[in-house]
Protein backbone atom coordinates (compact mmCIF):
# COMPACT_ATOMS: atom_id res chain seq x y z
CA MET A 1 0.00 0.00 0.00
CA ARG A 2 1.40 3.38 -1.01
CA ASN A 3 -0.38 6.74 -1.13
CA GLY A 4 -3.60 4.91 -0.26
CA LEU A 5 -3.37 2.61 -3.30
CA ASN A 6 -2.85 -1.13 -3.25
CA ILE A 7 -0.44 -1.45 -6.17
CA THR A 8 0.73 -5.00 -5.44
CA GLY A 9 -1.83 -6.52 -7.78
CA VAL A 10 -0.98 -4.46 -10.87
CA SER A 11 1.22 -7.11 -12.50
CA GLU A 12 -1.50 -9.73 -11.92
CA MET A 13 -3.99 -7.31 -13.47
CA VAL A 14 -1.87 -6.96 -16.60
CA HIS A 15 -1.74 -10.74 -16.95
CA GLU A 16 -5.50 -11.01 -16.47
CA LEU A 17 -6.16 -8.37 -19.13
CA ARG A 18 -4.17 -10.44 -21.61
CA GLU A 19 -6.00 -13.63 -20.68
CA ARG A 20 -9.48 -12.13 -20.21
CA PRO A 21 -9.83 -9.01 -22.39
CA GLU A 22 -13.51 -8.67 -21.48
CA GLU A 23 -12.38 -7.53 -18.03
CA ALA A 24 -10.48 -4.57 -19.50
CA VAL A 25 -13.44 -2.49 -20.63
CA ALA A 26 -15.34 -0.01 -18.46
CA ASP A 27 -18.41 1.84 -19.70
CA PHE A 28 -19.73 4.94 -17.93
CA SER A 29 -22.77 7.07 -18.66
CA VAL A 30 -24.86 9.93 -17.29
CA GLU A 31 -28.41 11.18 -17.72
CA CYS A 32 -29.50 14.82 -17.77
CA PRO A 33 -31.77 16.17 -16.41
CA ALA A 34 -32.17 13.86 -13.44
CA GLY A 35 -33.87 15.11 -10.32
CA PRO A 36 -34.70 18.60 -9.09
CA ALA A 37 -32.45 21.59 -9.61
CA ALA A 38 -32.65 25.29 -8.85
CA GLU A 39 -33.93 27.61 -11.55
CA GLY A 40 -31.10 28.26 -13.98
CA ALA A 41 -29.41 24.94 -13.18
CA VAL A 42 -29.64 21.32 -14.29
CA THR A 43 -28.73 18.10 -12.49
CA ALA A 44 -27.16 15.08 -14.16
CA ALA A 45 -27.01 11.64 -12.57
CA THR A 46 -24.44 8.93 -13.09
CA ARG A 47 -25.91 5.66 -14.33
CA THR A 48 -24.97 2.07 -13.57
CA ALA A 49 -21.52 1.39 -14.96
CA ARG A 50 -20.24 -1.79 -16.57
CA ILE A 51 -16.72 -2.55 -15.39
CA GLY A 52 -15.41 -5.69 -16.98
CA THR A 53 -18.08 -8.33 -16.45
CA LEU A 54 -19.50 -6.56 -13.40
CA ARG A 55 -22.15 -3.88 -13.03
CA ALA A 56 -21.53 -1.11 -10.51
CA ALA A 57 -24.16 1.24 -9.11
CA ARG A 58 -23.15 4.91 -9.43
CA PRO A 59 -25.42 6.95 -7.09
CA PHE A 60 -24.01 10.41 -7.80
CA THR A 61 -25.43 13.67 -9.10
CA LEU A 62 -23.69 16.66 -10.65
CA THR A 63 -25.48 20.01 -10.85
CA HIS A 64 -24.38 22.72 -13.28
CA ARG A 65 -25.50 26.27 -13.79
CA LEU A 66 -26.83 26.85 -17.29
CA SER A 67 -25.21 30.27 -17.59
CA TRP A 68 -21.49 30.50 -18.18
CA LEU A 69 -21.35 33.59 -15.93
CA PRO A 70 -20.02 32.88 -12.44
CA GLY A 71 -22.45 33.67 -9.65
CA ALA A 72 -25.51 33.46 -11.91
CA VAL A 73 -26.86 30.60 -9.79
CA GLY A 74 -25.16 28.33 -7.40
CA PRO A 75 -22.81 27.40 -5.96
CA TYR A 76 -22.63 25.36 -9.16
CA PRO A 77 -19.89 25.12 -11.78
CA SER A 78 -20.45 25.88 -15.44
CA PRO A 79 -20.10 23.00 -17.92
CA HIS A 80 -16.84 24.56 -19.13
CA GLU A 81 -15.41 24.62 -15.60
CA SER A 82 -16.43 21.00 -15.02
CA ALA A 83 -14.78 19.91 -18.26
CA LEU A 84 -11.49 21.33 -16.98
CA ALA A 85 -12.08 19.62 -13.62
CA ALA A 86 -12.43 16.36 -15.57
CA LEU A 87 -9.14 17.05 -17.36
CA ALA A 88 -7.25 17.99 -14.19
CA SER A 89 -8.64 15.19 -12.02
CA CYS A 90 -7.87 12.50 -14.58
CA ALA A 91 -4.31 13.80 -14.92
CA LEU A 92 -3.95 13.85 -11.13
CA ILE A 93 -5.26 10.33 -10.57
CA THR A 94 -3.13 8.94 -13.39
CA GLN A 95 -0.12 10.61 -11.81
CA VAL A 96 -0.90 9.16 -8.37
CA ASN A 97 -0.98 5.69 -9.94
CA GLY A 98 2.29 6.33 -11.78
CA VAL A 99 4.38 7.65 -8.88
CA SER A 100 2.96 5.04 -6.50
CA ALA A 101 4.09 2.26 -8.85
CA ARG A 102 7.59 3.76 -8.72
CA GLY A 103 7.75 3.78 -4.93
CA VAL A 104 7.31 7.54 -4.55
CA THR A 105 5.43 8.80 -1.49
CA ILE A 106 3.29 11.90 -2.06
CA GLY A 107 3.26 14.72 0.47
CA SER A 108 0.84 16.91 -1.45
CA LEU A 109 -0.42 17.08 -5.02
CA GLN A 110 -2.48 19.69 -6.84
CA VAL A 111 -3.36 20.08 -10.52
CA THR A 112 -4.90 23.26 -11.97
CA ALA A 113 -6.29 23.31 -15.51
CA ARG A 114 -7.07 26.54 -17.36
CA ALA A 115 -8.38 27.59 -20.75
CA GLU A 116 -9.75 30.65 -22.50
CA LEU A 117 -13.43 30.88 -23.42
CA ALA A 118 -13.87 33.22 -26.39
CA LEU A 119 -16.58 35.88 -25.96
CA ASP A 120 -18.49 37.70 -28.66
CA ALA A 121 -19.28 41.42 -28.79
CA SER A 122 -22.24 40.93 -26.45
CA GLY A 123 -20.06 39.20 -23.86
CA CYS A 124 -21.44 35.70 -24.49
CA PRO A 125 -19.40 32.61 -25.47
CA VAL A 126 -18.85 32.40 -29.22
CA PRO A 127 -20.99 29.46 -30.41
CA GLY A 128 -18.98 26.53 -31.67
CA ARG A 129 -15.63 28.07 -30.72
CA PRO A 130 -13.50 25.56 -28.80
CA LEU A 131 -11.75 26.32 -25.55
CA GLU A 132 -8.35 27.79 -26.36
CA ASN A 133 -4.90 27.79 -24.76
CA LEU A 134 -5.57 24.59 -22.82
CA ARG A 135 -3.00 23.92 -20.13
CA TRP A 136 -2.56 22.32 -16.74
CA HIS A 137 -0.03 22.94 -13.99
CA CYS A 138 0.97 20.36 -11.39
CA ASP A 139 2.44 21.12 -7.95
CA LEU A 140 3.84 18.00 -6.29
CA GLU A 141 5.65 17.53 -2.99
CA SER A 142 7.18 14.07 -2.73
CA ASP A 143 10.24 12.06 -1.71
CA GLY A 144 10.95 10.98 -5.29
CA PRO A 145 13.75 12.19 -7.57
CA ALA A 146 12.71 15.04 -9.86
CA ASP A 147 13.59 13.12 -13.02
CA VAL A 148 11.43 10.15 -12.01
CA VAL A 149 8.49 12.39 -11.22
CA ALA A 150 8.91 14.28 -14.49
CA SER A 151 9.00 11.01 -16.44
CA VAL A 152 5.73 9.99 -14.81
CA VAL A 153 4.08 13.27 -15.82
CA ARG A 154 5.21 12.69 -19.40
CA LEU A 155 3.59 9.26 -19.25
CA VAL A 156 0.42 10.88 -17.91
CA THR A 157 0.17 12.89 -21.13
CA ALA A 158 0.08 9.62 -23.09
CA PHE A 159 -2.10 7.52 -20.82
CA SER A 160 -4.52 9.81 -18.96
CA PRO A 161 -7.85 9.01 -20.70
CA ASN A 162 -9.22 12.55 -20.39
CA HIS A 163 -5.97 14.27 -21.31
CA ARG A 164 -5.94 12.22 -24.47
CA ALA A 165 -9.59 13.09 -25.11
CA PHE A 166 -8.58 16.76 -25.22
CA THR A 167 -5.48 16.26 -27.38
CA ASP A 168 -6.99 13.69 -29.76
CA SER A 169 -10.00 13.88 -32.02
CA CYS A 170 -12.83 12.71 -29.76
CA PRO A 171 -16.22 13.40 -31.36
CA PHE A 172 -19.45 11.54 -30.62
CA ASP A 173 -19.25 8.19 -32.42
CA LEU A 174 -23.03 7.81 -32.32
CA VAL A 175 -25.85 10.31 -31.83
CA THR A 176 -29.46 9.14 -31.70
CA VAL A 177 -32.57 11.30 -31.57
CA ASN A 178 -35.70 9.57 -30.28
CA GLY A 179 -34.08 6.24 -31.05
CA LYS A 180 -33.03 7.08 -34.62
CA PRO A 181 -29.39 7.71 -35.54
CA LEU A 182 -28.37 11.15 -36.65
CA ALA A 183 -26.81 10.36 -40.03
CA SER A 184 -23.06 10.79 -40.29
CA ALA A 185 -23.68 13.22 -43.13
CA ASP A 186 -25.56 15.32 -40.59
CA ALA A 187 -22.61 15.50 -38.20
CA PRO A 188 -22.09 19.04 -36.90
CA THR A 189 -19.36 21.28 -38.18
CA SER A 190 -18.38 23.99 -35.75
CA ALA A 191 -19.14 27.44 -37.07
CA PRO A 192 -16.11 29.74 -36.75
CA GLY A 193 -18.14 32.36 -34.88
CA ALA A 194 -17.61 36.08 -34.71
CA GLU A 195 -14.05 37.38 -34.47
CA THR A 196 -13.30 38.70 -31.00
CA ASP A 197 -10.33 39.44 -28.76
CA ALA A 198 -12.35 39.12 -25.57
CA ALA A 199 -12.12 35.96 -23.50
CA ALA A 200 -12.89 34.62 -20.05
CA THR A 201 -10.37 32.43 -18.25
CA VAL A 202 -11.94 29.23 -16.98
CA GLU A 203 -10.15 27.13 -14.37
CA ALA A 204 -10.46 24.10 -12.14
CA THR A 205 -8.14 23.04 -9.32
CA VAL A 206 -8.01 19.47 -8.04
CA VAL A 207 -6.34 18.66 -4.72
CA TRP A 208 -5.33 15.10 -3.90
CA GLU A 209 -6.62 13.70 -0.59
CA TYR A 210 -5.98 9.95 -0.41
CA GLY A 211 -5.75 7.08 -2.87
CA SER A 212 -7.76 8.03 -5.93
CA GLU A 213 -9.89 10.54 -4.02
CA ALA A 214 -9.53 14.27 -4.65
CA ALA A 215 -11.54 17.46 -4.24
CA TYR A 216 -12.03 20.07 -6.95
CA THR A 217 -12.94 23.72 -7.05
CA THR A 218 -13.69 25.91 -10.06
CA ALA A 219 -13.69 29.58 -11.07
CA THR A 220 -14.05 31.89 -14.06
CA ALA A 221 -12.28 35.23 -14.53
CA VAL A 222 -13.95 37.91 -16.66
CA HIS A 223 -12.18 41.18 -17.45
CA GLY A 224 -9.57 40.31 -14.86
CA VAL A 225 -12.09 39.69 -12.06
CA ARG A 226 -11.95 36.11 -10.80
CA ARG A 227 -15.09 34.64 -9.26
CA ALA A 228 -15.17 31.20 -7.67
CA SER A 229 -18.03 28.84 -8.46
CA LEU A 230 -16.94 26.01 -6.18
CA ALA A 231 -14.69 26.84 -3.24
CA GLY A 232 -14.02 25.73 0.31
CA PRO A 233 -17.01 23.81 1.71
CA THR A 234 -18.63 23.56 -1.74
CA ALA A 235 -15.68 21.66 -3.23
CA ARG A 236 -16.75 18.48 -4.99
CA THR A 237 -15.29 15.00 -4.66
CA VAL A 238 -13.91 12.92 -7.51
CA ASP A 239 -13.02 9.27 -6.99
CA GLN A 240 -12.76 5.94 -8.74
CA THR A 241 -14.86 2.81 -8.43
CA LYS A 242 -13.67 0.08 -6.10
CA GLN A 243 -12.82 -2.05 -9.12
CA MET A 244 -10.43 0.73 -10.24
CA LEU A 245 -8.62 1.14 -6.87
CA GLY A 246 -11.05 3.77 -5.54
CA ILE A 247 -13.57 3.79 -2.70
CA ASP A 248 -16.62 5.15 -4.55
CA LYS A 249 -16.88 8.48 -2.73
CA GLY A 250 -17.81 10.44 -5.86
CA PRO A 251 -18.11 10.36 -9.64
CA ASN A 252 -14.99 9.68 -11.65
CA SER A 253 -13.40 12.09 -14.09
CA GLN A 254 -15.03 10.46 -17.13
CA GLU A 255 -18.49 10.88 -15.60
CA ILE A 256 -17.71 14.52 -14.81
CA LEU A 257 -16.73 15.13 -18.43
CA LEU A 258 -19.88 13.44 -19.76
CA ALA A 259 -22.08 15.41 -17.35
CA ALA A 260 -20.45 18.68 -18.43
CA VAL A 261 -21.12 18.01 -22.12
CA CYS A 262 -24.71 16.97 -21.36
CA ALA A 263 -25.36 20.10 -19.30
CA GLU A 264 -24.12 22.41 -22.05
CA LEU A 265 -26.17 20.62 -24.72
CA PHE A 266 -29.24 20.62 -22.46
CA ALA A 267 -28.96 24.39 -22.06
CA GLU A 268 -28.88 24.79 -25.85
CA LEU A 269 -31.73 22.37 -26.52
CA SER A 270 -34.08 23.41 -23.74
CA GLY A 271 -33.72 27.05 -24.77
CA ALA A 272 -34.52 26.20 -28.39
CA MET A 273 -37.49 24.07 -27.35
CA GLY A 274 -38.91 26.68 -25.03
CA GLY A 275 -37.76 25.15 -21.76
CA PRO A 276 -39.73 22.91 -19.38
CA PRO A 277 -42.16 21.26 -18.99
CA GLY A 278 -41.44 18.30 -21.20
CA GLY A 279 -37.91 19.24 -22.21
CA PRO A 280 -35.25 17.01 -23.69
CA VAL A 281 -33.56 14.15 -21.84
CA LEU A 282 -29.95 13.39 -22.73
CA ARG A 283 -27.84 10.33 -22.03
CA ALA A 284 -24.13 10.39 -22.80
CA GLY A 285 -21.72 7.48 -22.52
CA GLY A 286 -18.04 6.75 -22.93
CA ARG A 287 -15.60 3.87 -22.57
CA ILE A 288 -12.13 3.34 -21.20
CA ASP A 289 -10.07 0.23 -21.88
CA HIS A 290 -7.30 -0.73 -19.48
CA ARG A 291 -5.42 -2.52 -22.25
CA GLY A 292 -4.82 0.88 -23.85
CA MET A 293 -4.32 2.77 -20.57
CA MET A 294 -1.66 0.26 -19.51
CA ASN A 295 -0.23 -0.25 -23.03
CA VAL A 296 -1.03 -3.96 -22.86
CA LEU A 297 -2.42 -3.83 -26.40
CA ARG A 298 -1.02 -1.13 -28.68
CA THR A 299 -4.03 -1.02 -31.00
CA VAL A 300 -6.41 -0.02 -28.18
CA PRO A 301 -6.69 3.74 -27.54
CA SER A 302 -5.60 5.06 -24.16
CA ARG A 303 -8.17 7.88 -24.28
CA VAL A 304 -11.79 7.70 -23.27
CA HIS A 305 -13.56 6.70 -26.47
CA ASP A 306 -16.79 5.36 -28.00
CA PHE A 307 -18.62 8.56 -27.06
CA SER A 308 -22.37 8.25 -27.60
CA LEU A 309 -25.30 10.62 -27.14
CA GLU A 310 -28.99 9.74 -26.90
CA VAL A 311 -31.54 12.55 -27.06
CA SER A 312 -35.18 11.91 -26.20
CA THR A 313 -37.94 14.48 -26.50
CA PRO A 314 -41.64 14.34 -25.61
CA ASP A 315 -44.38 14.09 -28.20
CA ALA A 316 -45.02 17.80 -27.82
CA ALA A 317 -41.50 18.68 -28.92
CA PRO A 318 -41.05 20.50 -32.25
CA ALA A 319 -41.05 18.39 -35.41
CA ARG A 320 -37.63 19.83 -36.20
CA THR A 321 -36.03 17.93 -33.31
CA LYS A 322 -33.12 16.60 -35.39
CA ASP A 323 -32.41 20.08 -36.69
CA LEU A 324 -32.40 21.41 -33.12
CA VAL A 325 -30.03 18.67 -31.94
CA ARG A 326 -27.77 19.33 -34.89
CA ALA A 327 -27.76 23.04 -34.12
CA ALA A 328 -27.01 22.40 -30.43
CA LEU A 329 -24.06 20.19 -31.34
CA SER A 330 -22.69 22.82 -33.70
CA ARG A 331 -23.02 25.58 -31.07
CA SER A 332 -21.46 23.59 -28.23
CA VAL A 333 -18.09 24.83 -27.01
CA LEU A 334 -17.23 21.46 -25.46
CA VAL A 335 -18.24 19.38 -28.48
CA ALA A 336 -16.04 21.66 -30.62
CA THR A 337 -13.18 21.35 -28.11
CA LEU A 338 -13.25 17.54 -28.18
CA ALA A 339 -13.99 17.11 -31.89
CA HIS A 340 -10.54 17.99 -33.24
CA PRO A 341 -6.93 17.42 -32.14
CA ARG A 342 -5.32 20.21 -30.18
CA THR A 343 -2.34 20.84 -27.93
CA VAL A 344 -2.27 21.00 -24.14
CA GLU A 345 0.60 22.68 -22.31
CA VAL A 346 1.82 20.88 -19.19
CA GLU A 347 3.95 22.25 -16.36
CA LEU A 348 5.32 20.47 -13.30
CA ARG A 349 6.72 22.04 -10.15
CA HIS A 350 8.30 19.44 -7.87
CA ASN A 351 9.15 20.37 -4.28
CA GLY A 352 8.90 24.03 -5.27
CA THR A 353 11.26 23.78 -8.26
CA PRO A 354 10.23 23.80 -11.95
CA ALA A 355 10.79 20.26 -13.27
CA LEU A 356 8.96 20.08 -16.59
CA ASN A 357 7.35 22.35 -19.19
CA CYS A 358 6.13 20.80 -22.43
CA VAL A 359 3.45 21.07 -25.08
CA THR A 360 1.64 17.78 -25.62
CA ASP A 361 -0.27 16.49 -28.63
CA THR A 362 -1.46 13.27 -30.22
CA ALA A 363 1.71 12.68 -32.25
CA GLY A 364 3.97 12.94 -29.21
CA ALA A 365 1.75 10.65 -27.13
CA GLU A 366 1.56 8.02 -29.85
CA ALA A 367 5.33 8.15 -30.33
CA MET A 368 5.73 7.53 -26.60
CA ARG A 369 3.41 4.52 -26.76
CA ASP A 370 5.35 3.18 -29.76
CA GLU A 371 8.64 3.47 -27.89
CA LEU A 372 7.25 1.74 -24.78
CA THR A 373 5.86 -1.05 -26.96
CA ARG A 374 9.25 -1.47 -28.64
CA ARG A 375 11.01 -1.66 -25.28
CA ALA A 376 8.54 -4.21 -23.94
CA ALA A 377 9.00 -6.39 -27.02
CA ALA A 378 12.79 -6.17 -26.74
CA ALA A 379 12.68 -7.09 -23.05
CA ALA A 380 10.44 -10.07 -23.79
CA GLN A 381 12.85 -11.61 -26.31
CA PRO A 382 15.52 -12.78 -23.80
CA ALA A 383 12.82 -14.13 -21.53
CA ALA A 384 11.31 -16.09 -24.41
CA ALA A 385 14.75 -17.43 -25.36
CA ASP A 386 15.40 -18.56 -21.78
CA ALA A 387 12.06 -20.32 -21.70
CA THR A 388 13.03 -22.39 -24.70
């Protein structure tokens, strides 16, 4: 046991994934809206997850404000803030796993993710404009050597499922509207939006507590004035399932990302449909595969993948439901952010000293996976020779 994680069974887990690949896959999903929420907010609920051959109840809710403006209603984060919390928390938990496997004891660990949200002339987010200047900064106090810690952070940029979702192309693989697929030819293309120099800075900070458990806070700065959405006693918990070395104290980072996307799309759709009663219901899902996250099988992606979206509307909804869904997808900041490859800047400060500053992208991460695969194959050759 190190840093609250039982890492002794990792090698056995790798062997099991090779022998029983069905145990490698974990599917998570959320539904929105789900349950009561204050006016100007929407609540999403995590749904039962499939982790390997097991089903795991996920009794968590995540409430978002529908307005991007901090303080509009709350204390609730905006979907954009939660998306960055999903990025930062996944990077943090992947790093905890990595340093623990290398015998490093953590004193403290904090990851802050930031991005710019482009604003139009009226001060509203530019529809379909992705988050820009994505970056996260890690502050780590530990007893490990700086070069070992820095090497782990580099590995995080290749194997953190949510980090890879932001650097890779990660669109919805399937969108259904009232049970009928939205044709691939109808897939949204993000409109460039109005040119503007104005932007709000969105941020999320995740602080490690124990094992895979962490707490996150969020804020948005407009015209240089920073306003917290979640802070202090309103901080939210992120954790893993028990099957993934957690203790089930909160939703995981994939569920937070799915809930953020659902909340933003719900705001777009409910506004276009005239709001409640009888508004849209959205279900979003995604998959992670430990064979990719642990580089057991090179052909499996390490990012969260197989994104799906189901939209259901009541009989009273407009006949143009597909057009409205298509428009909502094209106006979504988060859908645009995930739809195309982009770079994410990463910084590490270890024991108060800068230890790493790099710009990460898909090509660099895939090259790292290729090199690790090559090394593993080379190391296996002498062992195979000895066995014969």
